[in-house]
Amino acid sequence: MTETARQVQMTESAAKRIQELIASDGKSDMMLRLQVSGGGCSGFQYEFSLDSDKTEEDHIFENHGAKMVIDDVSLDLLGGAEIDFVRELVGAAFRVNNPNATSSCGCGSSFSI
């Protein structure tokens, strides 16, 4: 996968929500960490957390003033994805629009390739 194909974008809505979470946590050096792990109802699942640590395996993406960190293995599964934050009647959540996923579960937190 080329470096261009390994880019991950975030919408303005996602960036705003990340900034809100960081502000409520009170630590300005935090980033949203997005990881892919085995599990979920479709084989892989997305995991979101706030993190201030960066390892040699991590890649940092910055859009609209917010930072997101993704490890190298997860990035192989997320290349070309867009992270959004949506508010709906049933709740609000980060949503991953992943072009590599061939199917996903109804809740949107797991996928298969």
PDB file of N, CA and C in Angstrom:
ATOM      1  N   MET A   1       0.850  -1.174   0.000  1.00  0.00           N
ATOM      2  CA  MET A   1       0.000   0.000   0.000  1.00  0.00           C
ATOM      3  C   MET A   1       0.898   1.241   0.000  1.00  0.00           C
ATOM      4  N   THR A   2       0.639   2.189  -0.886  1.00  0.00           N
ATOM      5  CA  THR A   2       1.444   3.405  -0.960  1.00  0.00           C
ATOM      6  C   THR A   2       1.176   4.298   0.235  1.00  0.00           C
ATOM      7  N   GLU A   3       2.094   5.224   0.495  1.00  0.00           N
ATOM      8  CA  GLU A   3       1.910   6.152   1.620  1.00  0.00           C
ATOM      9  C   GLU A   3       0.651   6.985   1.453  1.00  0.00           C
ATOM     10  N   THR A   4       0.319   7.363   0.213  1.00  0.00           N
ATOM     11  CA  THR A   4      -0.902   8.128  -0.028  1.00  0.00           C
ATOM     12  C   THR A   4      -2.127   7.301   0.336  1.00  0.00           C
ATOM     13  N   ALA A   5      -2.120   6.016   0.002  1.00  0.00           N
ATOM     14  CA  ALA A   5      -3.246   5.138   0.318  1.00  0.00           C
ATOM     15  C   ALA A   5      -3.338   4.859   1.816  1.00  0.00           C
ATOM     16  N   ARG A   6      -2.263   5.106   2.545  1.00  0.00           N
ATOM     17  CA  ARG A   6      -2.258   4.861   3.995  1.00  0.00           C
ATOM     18  C   ARG A   6      -2.644   6.106   4.781  1.00  0.00           C
ATOM     19  N   GLN A   7      -3.247   7.083   4.146  1.00  0.00           N
ATOM     20  CA  GLN A   7      -3.699   8.285   4.844  1.00  0.00           C
ATOM     21  C   GLN A   7      -5.076   8.035   5.455  1.00  0.00           C
ATOM     22  N   VAL A   8      -5.332   8.660   6.580  1.00  0.00           N
ATOM     23  CA  VAL A   8      -6.639   8.611   7.218  1.00  0.00           C
ATOM     24  C   VAL A   8      -7.054  10.051   7.486  1.00  0.00           C
ATOM     25  N   GLN A   9      -8.250  10.383   7.092  1.00  0.00           N
ATOM     26  CA  GLN A   9      -8.772  11.740   7.260  1.00  0.00           C
ATOM     27  C   GLN A   9      -9.809  11.762   8.373  1.00  0.00           C
ATOM     28  N   MET A  10     -10.065  12.953   8.899  1.00  0.00           N
ATOM     29  CA  MET A  10     -11.168  13.106   9.838  1.00  0.00           C
ATOM     30  C   MET A  10     -11.985  14.323   9.414  1.00  0.00           C
ATOM     31  N   THR A  11     -13.269  14.229   9.646  1.00  0.00           N
ATOM     32  CA  THR A  11     -14.148  15.336   9.304  1.00  0.00           C
ATOM     33  C   THR A  11     -14.007  16.445  10.344  1.00  0.00           C
ATOM     34  N   GLU A  12     -14.546  17.594  10.020  1.00  0.00           N
ATOM     35  CA  GLU A  12     -14.541  18.708  10.967  1.00  0.00           C
ATOM     36  C   GLU A  12     -15.327  18.352  12.221  1.00  0.00           C
ATOM     37  N   SER A  13     -16.412  17.610  12.060  1.00  0.00           N
ATOM     38  CA  SER A  13     -17.218  17.168  13.202  1.00  0.00           C
ATOM     39  C   SER A  13     -16.406  16.262  14.134  1.00  0.00           C
ATOM     40  N   ALA A  14     -15.631  15.341  13.563  1.00  0.00           N
ATOM     41  CA  ALA A  14     -14.786  14.448  14.374  1.00  0.00           C
ATOM     42  C   ALA A  14     -13.711  15.246  15.094  1.00  0.00           C
ATOM     43  N   ALA A  15     -13.088  16.178  14.377  1.00  0.00           N
ATOM     44  CA  ALA A  15     -12.033  16.993  14.984  1.00  0.00           C
ATOM     45  C   ALA A  15     -12.579  17.813  16.145  1.00  0.00           C
ATOM     46  N   LYS A  16     -13.760  18.381  15.966  1.00  0.00           N
ATOM     47  CA  LYS A  16     -14.378  19.185  17.036  1.00  0.00           C
ATOM     48  C   LYS A  16     -14.644  18.326  18.262  1.00  0.00           C
ATOM     49  N   ARG A  17     -15.153  17.098  18.046  1.00  0.00           N
ATOM     50  CA  ARG A  17     -15.443  16.205  19.178  1.00  0.00           C
ATOM     51  C   ARG A  17     -14.154  15.786  19.887  1.00  0.00           C
ATOM     52  N   ILE A  18     -13.087  15.526  19.136  1.00  0.00           N
ATOM     53  CA  ILE A  18     -11.804  15.181  19.743  1.00  0.00           C
ATOM     54  C   ILE A  18     -11.318  16.331  20.614  1.00  0.00           C
ATOM     55  N   GLN A  19     -11.420  17.552  20.108  1.00  0.00           N
ATOM     56  CA  GLN A  19     -11.000  18.730  20.874  1.00  0.00           C
ATOM     57  C   GLN A  19     -11.829  18.881  22.141  1.00  0.00           C
ATOM     58  N   GLU A  20     -13.139  18.596  22.062  1.00  0.00           N
ATOM     59  CA  GLU A  20     -14.004  18.658  23.251  1.00  0.00           C
ATOM     60  C   GLU A  20     -13.576  17.630  24.288  1.00  0.00           C
ATOM     61  N   LEU A  21     -13.290  16.408  23.849  1.00  0.00           N
ATOM     62  CA  LEU A  21     -12.870  15.343  24.778  1.00  0.00           C
ATOM     63  C   LEU A  21     -11.549  15.688  25.452  1.00  0.00           C
ATOM     64  N   ILE A  22     -10.619  16.229  24.675  1.00  0.00           N
ATOM     65  CA  ILE A  22      -9.320  16.602  25.225  1.00  0.00           C
ATOM     66  C   ILE A  22      -9.479  17.739  26.223  1.00  0.00           C
ATOM     67  N   ALA A  23     -10.309  18.713  25.908  1.00  0.00           N
ATOM     68  CA  ALA A  23     -10.544  19.844  26.815  1.00  0.00           C
ATOM     69  C   ALA A  23     -11.165  19.368  28.124  1.00  0.00           C
ATOM     70  N   SER A  24     -12.097  18.418  28.055  1.00  0.00           N
ATOM     71  CA  SER A  24     -12.728  17.922  29.282  1.00  0.00           C
ATOM     72  C   SER A  24     -11.770  17.064  30.099  1.00  0.00           C
ATOM     73  N   ASP A  25     -10.781  16.456  29.431  1.00  0.00           N
ATOM     74  CA  ASP A  25      -9.779  15.652  30.127  1.00  0.00           C
ATOM     75  C   ASP A  25      -8.721  16.540  30.792  1.00  0.00           C
ATOM     76  N   GLY A  26      -8.534  17.742  30.244  1.00  0.00           N
ATOM     77  CA  GLY A  26      -7.614  18.696  30.842  1.00  0.00           C
ATOM     78  C   GLY A  26      -6.150  18.520  30.491  1.00  0.00           C
ATOM     79  N   LYS A  27      -5.844  17.630  29.540  1.00  0.00           N
ATOM     80  CA  LYS A  27      -4.446  17.399  29.146  1.00  0.00           C
ATOM     81  C   LYS A  27      -4.303  17.743  27.669  1.00  0.00           C
ATOM     82  N   SER A  28      -3.627  18.830  27.371  1.00  0.00           N
ATOM     83  CA  SER A  28      -3.565  19.336  25.996  1.00  0.00           C
ATOM     84  C   SER A  28      -2.723  18.485  25.060  1.00  0.00           C
ATOM     85  N   ASP A  29      -1.905  17.564  25.575  1.00  0.00           N
ATOM     86  CA  ASP A  29      -1.053  16.748  24.709  1.00  0.00           C
ATOM     87  C   ASP A  29      -1.729  15.456  24.239  1.00  0.00           C
ATOM     88  N   MET A  30      -3.006  15.300  24.526  1.00  0.00           N
ATOM     89  CA  MET A  30      -3.726  14.074  24.171  1.00  0.00           C
ATOM     90  C   MET A  30      -4.090  14.052  22.689  1.00  0.00           C
ATOM     91  N   MET A  31      -4.209  12.827  22.158  1.00  0.00           N
ATOM     92  CA  MET A  31      -4.640  12.577  20.781  1.00  0.00           C
ATOM     93  C   MET A  31      -5.685  11.465  20.829  1.00  0.00           C
ATOM     94  N   LEU A  32      -6.506  11.393  19.806  1.00  0.00           N
ATOM     95  CA  LEU A  32      -7.417  10.265  19.692  1.00  0.00           C
ATOM     96  C   LEU A  32      -6.631   9.096  19.114  1.00  0.00           C
ATOM     97  N   ARG A  33      -6.622   7.967  19.825  1.00  0.00           N
ATOM     98  CA  ARG A  33      -5.975   6.763  19.306  1.00  0.00           C
ATOM     99  C   ARG A  33      -7.064   5.873  18.715  1.00  0.00           C
ATOM    100  N   LEU A  34      -6.855   5.492  17.460  1.00  0.00           N
ATOM    101  CA  LEU A  34      -7.748   4.562  16.777  1.00  0.00           C
ATOM    102  C   LEU A  34      -6.960   3.293  16.510  1.00  0.00           C
ATOM    103  N   GLN A  35      -7.491   2.175  17.005  1.00  0.00           N
ATOM    104  CA  GLN A  35      -6.854   0.871  16.841  1.00  0.00           C
ATOM    105  C   GLN A  35      -7.843  -0.102  16.251  1.00  0.00           C
ATOM    106  N   VAL A  36      -7.334  -1.068  15.539  1.00  0.00           N
ATOM    107  CA  VAL A  36      -8.139  -2.185  15.059  1.00  0.00           C
ATOM    108  C   VAL A  36      -7.654  -3.432  15.785  1.00  0.00           C
ATOM    109  N   SER A  37      -8.593  -4.180  16.343  1.00  0.00           N
ATOM    110  CA  SER A  37      -8.232  -5.429  17.008  1.00  0.00           C
ATOM    111  C   SER A  37      -9.134  -6.548  16.498  1.00  0.00           C
ATOM    112  N   GLY A  38      -8.711  -7.769  16.708  1.00  0.00           N
ATOM    113  CA  GLY A  38      -9.527  -8.909  16.340  1.00  0.00           C
ATOM    114  C   GLY A  38     -10.713  -9.015  17.266  1.00  0.00           C
ATOM    115  N   GLY A  39     -11.864  -9.369  16.721  1.00  0.00           N
ATOM    116  CA  GLY A  39     -13.055  -9.512  17.543  1.00  0.00           C
ATOM    117  C   GLY A  39     -14.243  -8.811  16.930  1.00  0.00           C
ATOM    118  N   GLY A  40     -15.264  -8.623  17.733  1.00  0.00           N
ATOM    119  CA  GLY A  40     -16.482  -8.025  17.224  1.00  0.00           C
ATOM    120  C   GLY A  40     -17.269  -9.055  16.440  1.00  0.00           C
ATOM    121  N   CYS A  41     -18.450  -8.673  16.008  1.00  0.00           N
ATOM    122  CA  CYS A  41     -19.300  -9.640  15.306  1.00  0.00           C
ATOM    123  C   CYS A  41     -18.905  -9.835  13.853  1.00  0.00           C
ATOM    124  N   SER A  42     -17.994  -9.012  13.322  1.00  0.00           N
ATOM    125  CA  SER A  42     -17.599  -9.150  11.921  1.00  0.00           C
ATOM    126  C   SER A  42     -16.135  -9.539  11.725  1.00  0.00           C
ATOM    127  N   GLY A  43     -15.377  -9.740  12.788  1.00  0.00           N
ATOM    128  CA  GLY A  43     -13.992 -10.190  12.666  1.00  0.00           C
ATOM    129  C   GLY A  43     -12.964  -9.206  13.187  1.00  0.00           C
ATOM    130  N   PHE A  44     -13.150  -7.914  12.912  1.00  0.00           N
ATOM    131  CA  PHE A  44     -12.279  -6.856  13.422  1.00  0.00           C
ATOM    132  C   PHE A  44     -13.151  -5.815  14.097  1.00  0.00           C
ATOM    133  N   GLN A  45     -12.591  -5.121  15.073  1.00  0.00           N
ATOM    134  CA  GLN A  45     -13.358  -4.054  15.703  1.00  0.00           C
ATOM    135  C   GLN A  45     -12.498  -2.817  15.903  1.00  0.00           C
ATOM    136  N   TYR A  46     -13.159  -1.661  15.862  1.00  0.00           N
ATOM    137  CA  TYR A  46     -12.503  -0.383  16.078  1.00  0.00           C
ATOM    138  C   TYR A  46     -12.479  -0.084  17.567  1.00  0.00           C
ATOM    139  N   GLU A  47     -11.367   0.459  18.042  1.00  0.00           N
ATOM    140  CA  GLU A  47     -11.245   0.877  19.440  1.00  0.00           C
ATOM    141  C   GLU A  47     -10.756   2.321  19.465  1.00  0.00           C
ATOM    142  N   PHE A  48     -11.432   3.170  20.223  1.00  0.00           N
ATOM    143  CA  PHE A  48     -11.076   4.572  20.350  1.00  0.00           C
ATOM    144  C   PHE A  48     -10.676   4.859  21.786  1.00  0.00           C
ATOM    145  N   SER A  49      -9.620   5.645  21.965  1.00  0.00           N
ATOM    146  CA  SER A  49      -9.207   6.075  23.304  1.00  0.00           C
ATOM    147  C   SER A  49      -8.411   7.364  23.168  1.00  0.00           C
ATOM    148  N   LEU A  50      -8.235   8.069  24.283  1.00  0.00           N
ATOM    149  CA  LEU A  50      -7.350   9.233  24.306  1.00  0.00           C
ATOM    150  C   LEU A  50      -5.987   8.770  24.773  1.00  0.00           C
ATOM    151  N   ASP A  51      -4.940   9.278  24.140  1.00  0.00           N
ATOM    152  CA  ASP A  51      -3.592   8.823  24.451  1.00  0.00           C
ATOM    153  C   ASP A  51      -2.616   9.976  24.228  1.00  0.00           C
ATOM    154  N   SER A  52      -1.600  10.057  25.066  1.00  0.00           N
ATOM    155  CA  SER A  52      -0.553  11.064  24.873  1.00  0.00           C
ATOM    156  C   SER A  52       0.760  10.422  24.427  1.00  0.00           C
ATOM    157  N   ASP A  53       0.799   9.096  24.397  1.00  0.00           N
ATOM    158  CA  ASP A  53       2.019   8.378  24.033  1.00  0.00           C
ATOM    159  C   ASP A  53       2.073   8.096  22.538  1.00  0.00           C
ATOM    160  N   LYS A  54       3.281   8.102  21.992  1.00  0.00           N
ATOM    161  CA  LYS A  54       3.518   7.748  20.593  1.00  0.00           C
ATOM    162  C   LYS A  54       4.709   6.806  20.563  1.00  0.00           C
ATOM    163  N   THR A  55       4.552   5.699  19.852  1.00  0.00           N
ATOM    164  CA  THR A  55       5.648   4.746  19.695  1.00  0.00           C
ATOM    165  C   THR A  55       6.226   4.863  18.281  1.00  0.00           C
ATOM    166  N   GLU A  56       7.281   4.118  18.025  1.00  0.00           N
ATOM    167  CA  GLU A  56       7.880   4.109  16.684  1.00  0.00           C
ATOM    168  C   GLU A  56       6.935   3.523  15.645  1.00  0.00           C
ATOM    169  N   GLU A  57       5.972   2.734  16.083  1.00  0.00           N
ATOM    170  CA  GLU A  57       5.014   2.078  15.180  1.00  0.00           C
ATOM    171  C   GLU A  57       3.814   2.967  14.856  1.00  0.00           C
ATOM    172  N   ASP A  58       3.737   4.137  15.453  1.00  0.00           N
ATOM    173  CA  ASP A  58       2.566   5.002  15.315  1.00  0.00           C
ATOM    174  C   ASP A  58       2.705   6.027  14.198  1.00  0.00           C
ATOM    175  N   HIS A  59       1.573   6.388  13.639  1.00  0.00           N
ATOM    176  CA  HIS A  59       1.477   7.443  12.632  1.00  0.00           C
ATOM    177  C   HIS A  59       0.482   8.471  13.163  1.00  0.00           C
ATOM    178  N   ILE A  60       0.823   9.745  13.047  1.00  0.00           N
ATOM    179  CA  ILE A  60      -0.057  10.818  13.529  1.00  0.00           C
ATOM    180  C   ILE A  60      -0.655  11.535  12.333  1.00  0.00           C
ATOM    181  N   PHE A  61      -1.966  11.725  12.394  1.00  0.00           N
ATOM    182  CA  PHE A  61      -2.702  12.456  11.368  1.00  0.00           C
ATOM    183  C   PHE A  61      -3.350  13.660  12.031  1.00  0.00           C
ATOM    184  N   GLU A  62      -3.258  14.798  11.379  1.00  0.00           N
ATOM    185  CA  GLU A  62      -3.844  16.015  11.939  1.00  0.00           C
ATOM    186  C   GLU A  62      -4.750  16.655  10.897  1.00  0.00           C
ATOM    187  N   ASN A  63      -5.996  16.894  11.289  1.00  0.00           N
ATOM    188  CA  ASN A  63      -6.977  17.557  10.446  1.00  0.00           C
ATOM    189  C   ASN A  63      -7.792  18.499  11.310  1.00  0.00           C
ATOM    190  N   HIS A  64      -8.068  19.680  10.798  1.00  0.00           N
ATOM    191  CA  HIS A  64      -8.945  20.648  11.471  1.00  0.00           C
ATOM    192  C   HIS A  64      -8.493  20.924  12.908  1.00  0.00           C
ATOM    193  N   GLY A  65      -7.190  20.864  13.162  1.00  0.00           N
ATOM    194  CA  GLY A  65      -6.648  21.198  14.466  1.00  0.00           C
ATOM    195  C   GLY A  65      -6.665  20.083  15.499  1.00  0.00           C
ATOM    196  N   ALA A  66      -7.074  18.871  15.110  1.00  0.00           N
ATOM    197  CA  ALA A  66      -7.098  17.739  16.043  1.00  0.00           C
ATOM    198  C   ALA A  66      -6.132  16.667  15.549  1.00  0.00           C
ATOM    199  N   LYS A  67      -5.553  15.930  16.502  1.00  0.00           N
ATOM    200  CA  LYS A  67      -4.596  14.870  16.160  1.00  0.00           C
ATOM    201  C   LYS A  67      -5.181  13.501  16.468  1.00  0.00           C
ATOM    202  N   MET A  68      -4.834  12.555  15.576  1.00  0.00           N
ATOM    203  CA  MET A  68      -5.247  11.171  15.735  1.00  0.00           C
ATOM    204  C   MET A  68      -4.008  10.311  15.533  1.00  0.00           C
ATOM    205  N   VAL A  69      -3.838   9.295  16.353  1.00  0.00           N
ATOM    206  CA  VAL A  69      -2.685   8.405  16.251  1.00  0.00           C
ATOM    207  C   VAL A  69      -3.184   6.990  15.945  1.00  0.00           C
ATOM    208  N   ILE A  70      -2.502   6.353  14.983  1.00  0.00           N
ATOM    209  CA  ILE A  70      -2.869   5.003  14.554  1.00  0.00           C
ATOM    210  C   ILE A  70      -1.601   4.179  14.427  1.00  0.00           C
ATOM    211  N   ASP A  71      -1.602   2.981  15.011  1.00  0.00           N
ATOM    212  CA  ASP A  71      -0.429   2.115  14.911  1.00  0.00           C
ATOM    213  C   ASP A  71      -0.318   1.544  13.498  1.00  0.00           C
ATOM    214  N   ASP A  72       0.872   1.088  13.148  1.00  0.00           N
ATOM    215  CA  ASP A  72       1.184   0.646  11.792  1.00  0.00           C
ATOM    216  C   ASP A  72       0.304  -0.516  11.332  1.00  0.00           C
ATOM    217  N   VAL A  73       0.061  -1.491  12.181  1.00  0.00           N
ATOM    218  CA  VAL A  73      -0.749  -2.654  11.806  1.00  0.00           C
ATOM    219  C   VAL A  73      -2.195  -2.222  11.547  1.00  0.00           C
ATOM    220  N   SER A  74      -2.741  -1.376  12.421  1.00  0.00           N
ATOM    221  CA  SER A  74      -4.111  -0.890  12.222  1.00  0.00           C
ATOM    222  C   SER A  74      -4.218  -0.058  10.956  1.00  0.00           C
ATOM    223  N   LEU A  75      -3.168   0.707  10.665  1.00  0.00           N
ATOM    224  CA  LEU A  75      -3.187   1.561   9.481  1.00  0.00           C
ATOM    225  C   LEU A  75      -3.292   0.736   8.200  1.00  0.00           C
ATOM    226  N   ASP A  76      -2.727  -0.473   8.200  1.00  0.00           N
ATOM    227  CA  ASP A  76      -2.865  -1.351   7.033  1.00  0.00           C
ATOM    228  C   ASP A  76      -4.337  -1.652   6.744  1.00  0.00           C
ATOM    229  N   LEU A  77      -5.170  -1.693   7.779  1.00  0.00           N
ATOM    230  CA  LEU A  77      -6.592  -1.998   7.627  1.00  0.00           C
ATOM    231  C   LEU A  77      -7.449  -0.737   7.475  1.00  0.00           C
ATOM    232  N   LEU A  78      -6.862   0.420   7.779  1.00  0.00           N
ATOM    233  CA  LEU A  78      -7.617   1.673   7.782  1.00  0.00           C
ATOM    234  C   LEU A  78      -7.236   2.641   6.671  1.00  0.00           C
ATOM    235  N   GLY A  79      -6.225   2.311   5.870  1.00  0.00           N
ATOM    236  CA  GLY A  79      -5.754   3.229   4.839  1.00  0.00           C
ATOM    237  C   GLY A  79      -6.877   3.731   3.946  1.00  0.00           C
ATOM    238  N   GLY A  80      -6.967   5.039   3.766  1.00  0.00           N
ATOM    239  CA  GLY A  80      -8.013   5.648   2.948  1.00  0.00           C
ATOM    240  C   GLY A  80      -9.304   5.923   3.681  1.00  0.00           C
ATOM    241  N   ALA A  81      -9.369   5.593   4.970  1.00  0.00           N
ATOM    242  CA  ALA A  81     -10.603   5.768   5.743  1.00  0.00           C
ATOM    243  C   ALA A  81     -10.821   7.230   6.130  1.00  0.00           C
ATOM    244  N   GLU A  82     -12.055   7.529   6.466  1.00  0.00           N
ATOM    245  CA  GLU A  82     -12.425   8.842   6.995  1.00  0.00           C
ATOM    246  C   GLU A  82     -13.147   8.624   8.319  1.00  0.00           C
ATOM    247  N   ILE A  83     -12.726   9.373   9.347  1.00  0.00           N
ATOM    248  CA  ILE A  83     -13.336   9.284  10.662  1.00  0.00           C
ATOM    249  C   ILE A  83     -14.307  10.449  10.798  1.00  0.00           C
ATOM    250  N   ASP A  84     -15.525  10.149  11.192  1.00  0.00           N
ATOM    251  CA  ASP A  84     -16.565  11.163  11.350  1.00  0.00           C
ATOM    252  C   ASP A  84     -17.140  11.035  12.756  1.00  0.00           C
ATOM    253  N   PHE A  85     -17.789  12.091  13.219  1.00  0.00           N
ATOM    254  CA  PHE A  85     -18.534  12.026  14.472  1.00  0.00           C
ATOM    255  C   PHE A  85     -19.961  12.402  14.132  1.00  0.00           C
ATOM    256  N   VAL A  86     -20.894  11.497  14.414  1.00  0.00           N
ATOM    257  CA  VAL A  86     -22.284  11.710  14.038  1.00  0.00           C
ATOM    258  C   VAL A  86     -23.172  11.732  15.276  1.00  0.00           C
ATOM    259  N   ARG A  87     -24.174  12.595  15.221  1.00  0.00           N
ATOM    260  CA  ARG A  87     -25.199  12.679  16.264  1.00  0.00           C
ATOM    261  C   ARG A  87     -26.516  12.270  15.628  1.00  0.00           C
ATOM    262  N   GLU A  88     -27.131  11.230  16.190  1.00  0.00           N
ATOM    263  CA  GLU A  88     -28.398  10.725  15.682  1.00  0.00           C
ATOM    264  C   GLU A  88     -29.363  10.569  16.848  1.00  0.00           C
ATOM    265  N   LEU A  89     -30.597  10.244  16.562  1.00  0.00           N
ATOM    266  CA  LEU A  89     -31.598  10.074  17.613  1.00  0.00           C
ATOM    267  C   LEU A  89     -31.198   9.004  18.621  1.00  0.00           C
ATOM    268  N   VAL A  90     -30.508   7.966  18.163  1.00  0.00           N
ATOM    269  CA  VAL A  90     -30.123   6.862  19.047  1.00  0.00           C
ATOM    270  C   VAL A  90     -28.838   7.132  19.812  1.00  0.00           C
ATOM    271  N   GLY A  91     -28.162   8.249  19.512  1.00  0.00           N
ATOM    272  CA  GLY A  91     -26.934   8.585  20.232  1.00  0.00           C
ATOM    273  C   GLY A  91     -25.911   9.239  19.324  1.00  0.00           C
ATOM    274  N   ALA A  92     -24.733   9.437  19.857  1.00  0.00           N
ATOM    275  CA  ALA A  92     -23.640  10.063  19.124  1.00  0.00           C
ATOM    276  C   ALA A  92     -22.412   9.160  19.227  1.00  0.00           C
ATOM    277  N   ALA A  93     -21.650   9.097  18.129  1.00  0.00           N
ATOM    278  CA  ALA A  93     -20.483   8.214  18.125  1.00  0.00           C
ATOM    279  C   ALA A  93     -19.556   8.564  16.975  1.00  0.00           C
ATOM    280  N   PHE A  94     -18.301   8.124  17.116  1.00  0.00           N
ATOM    281  CA  PHE A  94     -17.384   8.195  15.994  1.00  0.00           C
ATOM    282  C   PHE A  94     -17.797   7.111  14.996  1.00  0.00           C
ATOM    283  N   ARG A  95     -17.714   7.444  13.720  1.00  0.00           N
ATOM    284  CA  ARG A  95     -18.031   6.484  12.666  1.00  0.00           C
ATOM    285  C   ARG A  95     -16.831   6.417  11.725  1.00  0.00           C
ATOM    286  N   VAL A  96     -16.432   5.199  11.367  1.00  0.00           N
ATOM    287  CA  VAL A  96     -15.314   4.983  10.465  1.00  0.00           C
ATOM    288  C   VAL A  96     -15.865   4.593   9.097  1.00  0.00           C
ATOM    289  N   ASN A  97     -15.601   5.431   8.110  1.00  0.00           N
ATOM    290  CA  ASN A  97     -15.955   5.111   6.729  1.00  0.00           C
ATOM    291  C   ASN A  97     -14.703   4.495   6.100  1.00  0.00           C
ATOM    292  N   ASN A  98     -14.672   3.158   6.120  1.00  0.00           N
ATOM    293  CA  ASN A  98     -13.473   2.405   5.758  1.00  0.00           C
ATOM    294  C   ASN A  98     -13.641   1.752   4.385  1.00  0.00           C
ATOM    295  N   PRO A  99     -12.906   2.225   3.372  1.00  0.00           N
ATOM    296  CA  PRO A  99     -13.042   1.637   2.035  1.00  0.00           C
ATOM    297  C   PRO A  99     -12.498   0.212   1.940  1.00  0.00           C
ATOM    298  N   ASN A 100     -11.750  -0.240   2.929  1.00  0.00           N
ATOM    299  CA  ASN A 100     -11.184  -1.588   2.927  1.00  0.00           C
ATOM    300  C   ASN A 100     -12.154  -2.635   3.470  1.00  0.00           C
ATOM    301  N   ALA A 101     -13.195  -2.193   4.167  1.00  0.00           N
ATOM    302  CA  ALA A 101     -14.153  -3.119   4.778  1.00  0.00           C
ATOM    303  C   ALA A 101     -15.112  -3.643   3.721  1.00  0.00           C
ATOM    304  N   THR A 102     -15.269  -4.956   3.656  1.00  0.00           N
ATOM    305  CA  THR A 102     -16.215  -5.541   2.713  1.00  0.00           C
ATOM    306  C   THR A 102     -17.604  -5.679   3.328  1.00  0.00           C
ATOM    307  N   SER A 103     -17.667  -5.697   4.657  1.00  0.00           N
ATOM    308  CA  SER A 103     -18.939  -5.706   5.362  1.00  0.00           C
ATOM    309  C   SER A 103     -18.723  -5.184   6.769  1.00  0.00           C
ATOM    310  N   SER A 104     -19.795  -4.765   7.406  1.00  0.00           N
ATOM    311  CA  SER A 104     -19.697  -4.287   8.780  1.00  0.00           C
ATOM    312  C   SER A 104     -20.972  -4.687   9.517  1.00  0.00           C
ATOM    313  N   CYS A 105     -20.907  -4.597  10.826  1.00  0.00           N
ATOM    314  CA  CYS A 105     -22.084  -4.953  11.622  1.00  0.00           C
ATOM    315  C   CYS A 105     -23.037  -3.751  11.676  1.00  0.00           C
ATOM    316  N   GLY A 106     -24.202  -3.967  12.183  1.00  0.00           N
ATOM    317  CA  GLY A 106     -25.200  -2.913  12.254  1.00  0.00           C
ATOM    318  C   GLY A 106     -24.819  -1.747  13.124  1.00  0.00           C
ATOM    319  N   CYS A 107     -24.032  -1.992  14.167  1.00  0.00           N
ATOM    320  CA  CYS A 107     -23.650  -0.894  15.063  1.00  0.00           C
ATOM    321  C   CYS A 107     -22.484  -0.082  14.520  1.00  0.00           C
ATOM    322  N   GLY A 108     -21.777  -0.616  13.507  1.00  0.00           N
ATOM    323  CA  GLY A 108     -20.688   0.113  12.883  1.00  0.00           C
ATOM    324  C   GLY A 108     -19.364   0.037  13.607  1.00  0.00           C
ATOM    325  N   SER A 109     -19.277  -0.757  14.678  1.00  0.00           N
ATOM    326  CA  SER A 109     -18.019  -0.817  15.417  1.00  0.00           C
ATOM    327  C   SER A 109     -17.156  -2.007  15.038  1.00  0.00           C
ATOM    328  N   SER A 110     -17.647  -2.886  14.171  1.00  0.00           N
ATOM    329  CA  SER A 110     -16.807  -3.991  13.707  1.00  0.00           C
ATOM    330  C   SER A 110     -16.983  -4.148  12.199  1.00  0.00           C
ATOM    331  N   PHE A 111     -15.999  -4.825  11.589  1.00  0.00           N
ATOM    332  CA  PHE A 111     -15.998  -4.970  10.129  1.00  0.00           C
ATOM    333  C   PHE A 111     -15.210  -6.196   9.723  1.00  0.00           C
ATOM    334  N   SER A 112     -15.345  -6.567   8.451  1.00  0.00           N
ATOM    335  CA  SER A 112     -14.541  -7.660   7.890  1.00  0.00           C
ATOM    336  C   SER A 112     -13.917  -7.166   6.595  1.00  0.00           C
ATOM    337  N   ILE A 113     -12.855  -7.867   6.193  1.00  0.00           N
ATOM    338  CA  ILE A 113     -12.139  -7.521   4.954  1.00  0.00           C
ATOM    339  C   ILE A 113     -12.219  -8.677   3.989  1.00  0.00           C
TER     340      ILE A 113
END
